[in-house]
Amino acid sequence: MCRNIKMLFNFDPPVTEAETQAAALQFVRKVSGFNKPSKLNEQAFQQAVDRVAAVTAELMHSLQTQAAPRNREEEAAKARARTAERFHVRHDLASPK
């Protein structure tokens, strides 16, 4: 799984169209092996991104949970802490300025 694809479900505020599009782009990049497609493949690449984004949006709207929504800032802080521990980064360098 591509590490750049972020979990989108059950956040407050809900996932945005831009976040859905970014996740779709990362997925299509991963499965196609293209970071940026050639002119010949550009239309098929963009069509795939649009379709994946549409299906992802449909999925996000149809999923249900009884769990409390996650807080984006708290989840980002947890991710930064995991990254700092994984790469042995000093804590004063791991937090955004």
N, C-alpha and C. Protein backbone atom coordinates (compact mmCIF):
# COMPACT_ATOMS: atom_id res chain seq x y z
N MET A 1 0.84 -1.18 0.00
CA MET A 1 0.00 0.00 0.00
C MET A 1 0.88 1.23 0.00
N CYS A 2 0.49 2.20 -0.73
CA CYS A 2 1.24 3.45 -0.81
C CYS A 2 1.10 4.21 0.51
N ARG A 3 2.20 4.59 1.07
CA ARG A 3 2.18 5.29 2.36
C ARG A 3 1.61 6.69 2.25
N ASN A 4 1.57 7.25 1.06
CA ASN A 4 1.05 8.61 0.89
C ASN A 4 -0.46 8.67 0.83
N ILE A 5 -1.11 7.53 0.75
CA ILE A 5 -2.57 7.52 0.75
C ILE A 5 -3.02 7.53 2.20
N LYS A 6 -3.76 8.55 2.56
CA LYS A 6 -4.21 8.74 3.94
C LYS A 6 -5.61 8.20 4.14
N MET A 7 -5.89 7.77 5.37
CA MET A 7 -7.23 7.34 5.73
C MET A 7 -8.16 8.56 5.62
N LEU A 8 -9.32 8.37 5.04
CA LEU A 8 -10.24 9.47 4.80
C LEU A 8 -11.54 9.37 5.59
N PHE A 9 -11.83 8.22 6.14
CA PHE A 9 -13.13 7.98 6.76
C PHE A 9 -13.18 8.41 8.23
N ASN A 10 -14.30 8.94 8.62
CA ASN A 10 -14.65 9.26 10.00
C ASN A 10 -13.78 10.37 10.59
N PHE A 11 -13.69 11.48 9.88
CA PHE A 11 -13.00 12.65 10.39
C PHE A 11 -13.98 13.80 10.55
N ASP A 12 -13.66 14.68 11.47
CA ASP A 12 -14.43 15.89 11.66
C ASP A 12 -13.49 17.07 11.47
N PRO A 13 -13.67 17.90 10.47
CA PRO A 13 -14.71 17.89 9.44
C PRO A 13 -14.51 16.74 8.45
N PRO A 14 -15.58 16.38 7.74
CA PRO A 14 -15.51 15.26 6.79
C PRO A 14 -14.49 15.50 5.68
N VAL A 15 -14.15 14.44 5.00
CA VAL A 15 -13.18 14.50 3.91
C VAL A 15 -13.64 15.49 2.84
N THR A 16 -12.67 16.20 2.28
CA THR A 16 -12.97 17.16 1.22
C THR A 16 -12.77 16.52 -0.15
N GLU A 17 -13.29 17.17 -1.16
CA GLU A 17 -13.11 16.68 -2.53
C GLU A 17 -11.63 16.68 -2.90
N ALA A 18 -10.90 17.69 -2.44
CA ALA A 18 -9.46 17.77 -2.73
C ALA A 18 -8.70 16.60 -2.11
N GLU A 19 -9.06 16.21 -0.90
CA GLU A 19 -8.41 15.07 -0.25
C GLU A 19 -8.72 13.77 -0.97
N THR A 20 -9.96 13.62 -1.41
CA THR A 20 -10.36 12.44 -2.17
C THR A 20 -9.60 12.38 -3.49
N GLN A 21 -9.48 13.52 -4.16
CA GLN A 21 -8.76 13.58 -5.44
C GLN A 21 -7.28 13.27 -5.23
N ALA A 22 -6.68 13.78 -4.16
CA ALA A 22 -5.26 13.52 -3.88
C ALA A 22 -5.02 12.04 -3.61
N ALA A 23 -5.90 11.41 -2.87
CA ALA A 23 -5.76 9.98 -2.59
C ALA A 23 -5.90 9.16 -3.88
N ALA A 24 -6.84 9.56 -4.73
CA ALA A 24 -7.04 8.87 -6.01
C ALA A 24 -5.80 9.02 -6.89
N LEU A 25 -5.23 10.21 -6.91
CA LEU A 25 -4.02 10.44 -7.70
C LEU A 25 -2.88 9.56 -7.21
N GLN A 26 -2.69 9.47 -5.89
CA GLN A 26 -1.62 8.64 -5.35
C GLN A 26 -1.85 7.17 -5.69
N PHE A 27 -3.10 6.72 -5.61
CA PHE A 27 -3.41 5.33 -5.93
C PHE A 27 -3.09 5.03 -7.40
N VAL A 28 -3.54 5.89 -8.31
CA VAL A 28 -3.30 5.66 -9.73
C VAL A 28 -1.81 5.74 -10.05
N ARG A 29 -1.10 6.65 -9.42
CA ARG A 29 0.35 6.71 -9.60
C ARG A 29 1.00 5.40 -9.19
N LYS A 30 0.56 4.87 -8.06
CA LYS A 30 1.15 3.63 -7.54
C LYS A 30 0.89 2.46 -8.47
N VAL A 31 -0.37 2.27 -8.86
CA VAL A 31 -0.69 1.09 -9.66
C VAL A 31 -0.20 1.20 -11.10
N SER A 32 -0.08 2.44 -11.62
CA SER A 32 0.37 2.60 -13.00
C SER A 32 1.89 2.64 -13.11
N GLY A 33 2.55 3.05 -12.03
CA GLY A 33 4.00 3.20 -12.07
C GLY A 33 4.43 4.53 -12.65
N PHE A 34 3.48 5.41 -12.94
CA PHE A 34 3.78 6.73 -13.49
C PHE A 34 3.62 7.79 -12.41
N ASN A 35 4.63 8.64 -12.27
CA ASN A 35 4.46 9.81 -11.42
C ASN A 35 3.72 10.88 -12.23
N LYS A 36 4.14 11.02 -13.47
CA LYS A 36 3.47 11.91 -14.42
C LYS A 36 3.44 11.15 -15.75
N PRO A 37 2.24 10.88 -16.26
CA PRO A 37 2.15 10.08 -17.48
C PRO A 37 2.62 10.86 -18.71
N SER A 38 2.98 10.13 -19.74
CA SER A 38 3.34 10.74 -21.02
C SER A 38 2.09 11.34 -21.64
N LYS A 39 2.27 12.16 -22.65
CA LYS A 39 1.12 12.75 -23.37
C LYS A 39 0.21 11.67 -23.91
N LEU A 40 0.81 10.57 -24.35
CA LEU A 40 0.04 9.45 -24.91
C LEU A 40 -0.89 8.84 -23.87
N ASN A 41 -0.45 8.78 -22.62
CA ASN A 41 -1.22 8.14 -21.55
C ASN A 41 -1.96 9.13 -20.65
N GLU A 42 -1.82 10.41 -20.90
CA GLU A 42 -2.38 11.43 -20.01
C GLU A 42 -3.89 11.33 -19.85
N GLN A 43 -4.61 11.14 -20.94
CA GLN A 43 -6.06 11.07 -20.87
C GLN A 43 -6.53 9.85 -20.07
N ALA A 44 -5.95 8.69 -20.32
CA ALA A 44 -6.32 7.47 -19.59
C ALA A 44 -5.98 7.61 -18.11
N PHE A 45 -4.83 8.22 -17.82
CA PHE A 45 -4.40 8.43 -16.44
C PHE A 45 -5.39 9.33 -15.70
N GLN A 46 -5.74 10.46 -16.30
CA GLN A 46 -6.67 11.39 -15.65
C GLN A 46 -8.06 10.79 -15.50
N GLN A 47 -8.47 10.02 -16.50
CA GLN A 47 -9.78 9.36 -16.41
C GLN A 47 -9.79 8.36 -15.24
N ALA A 48 -8.69 7.65 -15.07
CA ALA A 48 -8.59 6.71 -13.95
C ALA A 48 -8.63 7.45 -12.61
N VAL A 49 -7.92 8.56 -12.52
CA VAL A 49 -7.94 9.36 -11.28
C VAL A 49 -9.36 9.82 -10.98
N ASP A 50 -10.06 10.32 -11.98
CA ASP A 50 -11.43 10.80 -11.78
C ASP A 50 -12.37 9.68 -11.35
N ARG A 51 -12.22 8.51 -11.96
CA ARG A 51 -13.08 7.37 -11.60
C ARG A 51 -12.80 6.88 -10.18
N VAL A 52 -11.52 6.78 -9.83
CA VAL A 52 -11.16 6.34 -8.47
C VAL A 52 -11.67 7.36 -7.46
N ALA A 53 -11.55 8.64 -7.75
CA ALA A 53 -12.03 9.68 -6.84
C ALA A 53 -13.55 9.58 -6.67
N ALA A 54 -14.27 9.33 -7.75
CA ALA A 54 -15.73 9.21 -7.68
C ALA A 54 -16.14 8.01 -6.84
N VAL A 55 -15.50 6.89 -7.05
CA VAL A 55 -15.82 5.68 -6.28
C VAL A 55 -15.45 5.89 -4.81
N THR A 56 -14.34 6.55 -4.56
CA THR A 56 -13.92 6.83 -3.18
C THR A 56 -14.94 7.72 -2.49
N ALA A 57 -15.39 8.76 -3.16
CA ALA A 57 -16.40 9.66 -2.59
C ALA A 57 -17.69 8.90 -2.29
N GLU A 58 -18.09 8.04 -3.22
CA GLU A 58 -19.29 7.21 -3.01
C GLU A 58 -19.12 6.31 -1.79
N LEU A 59 -17.95 5.71 -1.66
CA LEU A 59 -17.67 4.87 -0.51
C LEU A 59 -17.74 5.66 0.79
N MET A 60 -17.10 6.82 0.83
CA MET A 60 -17.09 7.64 2.04
C MET A 60 -18.50 8.03 2.48
N HIS A 61 -19.37 8.29 1.50
CA HIS A 61 -20.74 8.68 1.83
C HIS A 61 -21.60 7.49 2.27
N SER A 62 -21.23 6.28 1.89
CA SER A 62 -22.05 5.12 2.22
C SER A 62 -21.60 4.41 3.50
N LEU A 63 -20.36 4.65 3.94
CA LEU A 63 -19.88 3.99 5.16
C LEU A 63 -20.56 4.56 6.40
N GLN A 64 -20.73 3.71 7.40
CA GLN A 64 -21.34 4.12 8.66
C GLN A 64 -20.49 3.63 9.81
N THR A 65 -20.52 4.36 10.90
CA THR A 65 -19.82 3.95 12.10
C THR A 65 -20.49 4.56 13.32
N GLN A 66 -20.29 3.91 14.45
CA GLN A 66 -20.78 4.47 15.71
C GLN A 66 -19.63 5.08 16.50
N ALA A 67 -18.42 4.97 15.97
CA ALA A 67 -17.25 5.55 16.63
C ALA A 67 -17.27 7.07 16.49
N ALA A 68 -16.69 7.72 17.46
CA ALA A 68 -16.60 9.18 17.41
C ALA A 68 -15.65 9.59 16.28
N PRO A 69 -15.94 10.69 15.61
CA PRO A 69 -15.06 11.15 14.54
C PRO A 69 -13.66 11.47 15.07
N ARG A 70 -12.67 11.22 14.24
CA ARG A 70 -11.29 11.52 14.60
C ARG A 70 -11.03 13.01 14.39
N ASN A 71 -10.10 13.53 15.19
CA ASN A 71 -9.68 14.91 15.06
C ASN A 71 -8.45 14.96 14.16
N ARG A 72 -8.48 15.77 13.13
CA ARG A 72 -7.37 15.83 12.17
C ARG A 72 -6.05 16.23 12.81
N GLU A 73 -6.08 17.22 13.68
CA GLU A 73 -4.84 17.68 14.30
C GLU A 73 -4.23 16.61 15.21
N GLU A 74 -5.08 15.92 15.96
CA GLU A 74 -4.59 14.85 16.84
C GLU A 74 -3.98 13.72 16.01
N GLU A 75 -4.63 13.34 14.93
CA GLU A 75 -4.11 12.27 14.08
C GLU A 75 -2.80 12.69 13.41
N ALA A 76 -2.71 13.95 13.00
CA ALA A 76 -1.46 14.45 12.41
C ALA A 76 -0.33 14.44 13.43
N ALA A 77 -0.63 14.80 14.66
CA ALA A 77 0.39 14.79 15.72
C ALA A 77 0.86 13.36 15.99
N LYS A 78 -0.06 12.41 16.00
CA LYS A 78 0.32 11.00 16.18
C LYS A 78 1.22 10.52 15.04
N ALA A 79 0.88 10.92 13.82
CA ALA A 79 1.68 10.53 12.66
C ALA A 79 3.08 11.13 12.74
N ARG A 80 3.18 12.39 13.17
CA ARG A 80 4.50 13.01 13.32
C ARG A 80 5.31 12.29 14.38
N ALA A 81 4.67 11.88 15.47
CA ALA A 81 5.36 11.16 16.54
C ALA A 81 5.86 9.81 16.04
N ARG A 82 5.02 9.10 15.26
CA ARG A 82 5.45 7.81 14.71
C ARG A 82 6.63 8.00 13.76
N THR A 83 6.58 9.03 12.95
CA THR A 83 7.67 9.31 12.01
C THR A 83 8.95 9.64 12.76
N ALA A 84 8.84 10.45 13.79
CA ALA A 84 10.01 10.83 14.59
C ALA A 84 10.64 9.60 15.23
N GLU A 85 9.81 8.72 15.75
CA GLU A 85 10.33 7.50 16.38
C GLU A 85 10.94 6.57 15.33
N ARG A 86 10.28 6.45 14.20
CA ARG A 86 10.76 5.55 13.16
C ARG A 86 12.11 5.99 12.59
N PHE A 87 12.26 7.28 12.39
CA PHE A 87 13.48 7.79 11.79
C PHE A 87 14.43 8.42 12.80
N HIS A 88 14.10 8.26 14.08
CA HIS A 88 14.94 8.77 15.17
C HIS A 88 15.20 10.27 15.02
N VAL A 89 14.14 11.00 14.75
CA VAL A 89 14.23 12.45 14.59
C VAL A 89 14.09 13.09 15.97
N ARG A 90 14.88 14.14 16.20
CA ARG A 90 14.74 14.86 17.47
C ARG A 90 13.35 15.50 17.52
N HIS A 91 12.74 15.50 18.70
CA HIS A 91 11.37 16.01 18.85
C HIS A 91 11.26 17.48 18.51
N ASP A 92 12.29 18.27 18.77
CA ASP A 92 12.20 19.69 18.46
C ASP A 92 12.24 19.93 16.95
N LEU A 93 12.74 18.96 16.19
CA LEU A 93 12.74 19.07 14.73
C LEU A 93 11.50 18.46 14.09
N ALA A 94 10.80 17.61 14.83
CA ALA A 94 9.66 16.89 14.27
C ALA A 94 8.39 17.73 14.25
N SER A 95 8.28 18.71 15.09
CA SER A 95 7.04 19.49 15.13
C SER A 95 7.10 20.63 14.12
N PRO A 96 5.95 20.91 13.49
CA PRO A 96 5.93 21.99 12.49
C PRO A 96 6.08 23.35 13.15
N LYS A 97 6.59 24.30 12.40
CA LYS A 97 6.77 25.66 12.94
C LYS A 97 5.76 26.60 12.37
